[in-house]
Amino acid sequence: MFEKLVEIICNYVEVEPEQVQPESRFMEDLGFTSFDFMSMLGEIEDTFDVEIDETAAADIRTVQEAVDYLETLKD
């Protein structure tokens, strides 16, 4: 799941896949804007066939937190 998420992240911001680490923060480290982040969430919902709660999404700061959250949705 991490690798697929990295692939999606690279569609939205100018980073190389190897620059994206589990502890990378979306805004501070990867350069996401709020619009980029919300757009990416839409693609994640389509890709993983999940429904992301906006309140929960607001608490996601790092790539690993996103992976952990997505894993709870897939169960």
Protein backbone atom coordinates (compact mmCIF):
# COMPACT_ATOMS: atom_id res chain seq x y z
CA MET A 1 0.00 0.00 0.00
CA PHE A 2 2.88 2.37 0.79
CA GLU A 3 4.31 2.03 -2.73
CA LYS A 4 0.95 2.76 -4.38
CA LEU A 5 0.47 5.77 -2.12
CA VAL A 6 3.92 7.08 -3.08
CA GLU A 7 2.96 6.73 -6.74
CA ILE A 8 -0.19 8.79 -6.14
CA ILE A 9 1.73 11.42 -4.12
CA CYS A 10 4.16 11.90 -7.01
CA ASN A 11 1.21 12.78 -9.27
CA TYR A 12 0.48 15.82 -7.13
CA VAL A 13 3.82 17.26 -6.07
CA GLU A 14 7.27 17.56 -7.63
CA VAL A 15 9.11 14.89 -5.65
CA GLU A 16 10.91 11.73 -6.65
CA PRO A 17 9.50 8.48 -5.24
CA GLU A 18 12.67 7.80 -3.26
CA GLN A 19 12.24 11.16 -1.48
CA VAL A 20 8.92 10.02 0.04
CA GLN A 21 9.49 8.33 3.40
CA PRO A 22 6.94 7.01 5.92
CA GLU A 23 7.73 9.97 8.22
CA SER A 24 7.42 12.55 5.39
CA ARG A 25 4.88 15.24 6.25
CA PHE A 26 2.54 16.16 3.39
CA MET A 27 2.62 19.94 3.82
CA GLU A 28 6.02 20.63 5.36
CA ASP A 29 8.20 18.02 3.65
CA LEU A 30 6.43 17.23 0.38
CA GLY A 31 5.07 20.68 -0.43
CA PHE A 32 1.36 19.87 -0.60
CA THR A 33 -1.18 22.67 -0.59
CA SER A 34 -4.58 22.06 0.97
CA PHE A 35 -6.05 21.79 -2.53
CA ASP A 36 -3.40 19.23 -3.59
CA PHE A 37 -4.10 17.19 -0.47
CA MET A 38 -7.87 17.15 -0.94
CA SER A 39 -7.48 16.28 -4.64
CA MET A 40 -5.14 13.43 -3.72
CA LEU A 41 -7.68 12.11 -1.20
CA GLY A 42 -10.22 11.84 -4.01
CA GLU A 43 -7.83 9.78 -6.08
CA ILE A 44 -7.01 7.59 -3.06
CA GLU A 45 -10.73 6.93 -2.55
CA ASP A 46 -11.07 5.86 -6.19
CA THR A 47 -7.88 3.80 -6.23
CA PHE A 48 -8.45 1.90 -2.98
CA ASP A 49 -12.27 1.91 -3.17
CA VAL A 50 -12.66 3.49 0.27
CA GLU A 51 -14.55 6.41 1.78
CA ILE A 52 -12.27 8.84 3.63
CA ASP A 53 -13.79 10.72 6.54
CA GLU A 54 -12.91 14.42 6.20
CA THR A 55 -12.47 14.83 9.96
CA ALA A 56 -10.04 11.92 10.06
CA ALA A 57 -8.23 13.23 6.96
CA ALA A 58 -7.63 16.55 8.71
CA ASP A 59 -5.56 14.70 11.33
CA ILE A 60 -3.31 12.96 8.79
CA ARG A 61 0.09 14.65 8.74
CA THR A 62 2.54 11.98 7.51
CA VAL A 63 2.60 9.35 4.80
CA GLN A 64 2.67 6.59 7.45
CA GLU A 65 -0.42 8.04 9.15
CA ALA A 66 -2.17 7.91 5.76
CA VAL A 67 -1.13 4.27 5.26
CA ASP A 68 -2.28 3.34 8.78
CA TYR A 69 -5.63 5.05 8.24
CA LEU A 70 -6.16 3.37 4.86
CA GLU A 71 -5.40 -0.02 6.39
CA THR A 72 -8.18 0.51 8.96
CA LEU A 73 -10.60 1.22 6.09
CA LYS A 74 -9.66 -1.92 4.17
CA ASP A 75 -10.37 -4.26 7.10
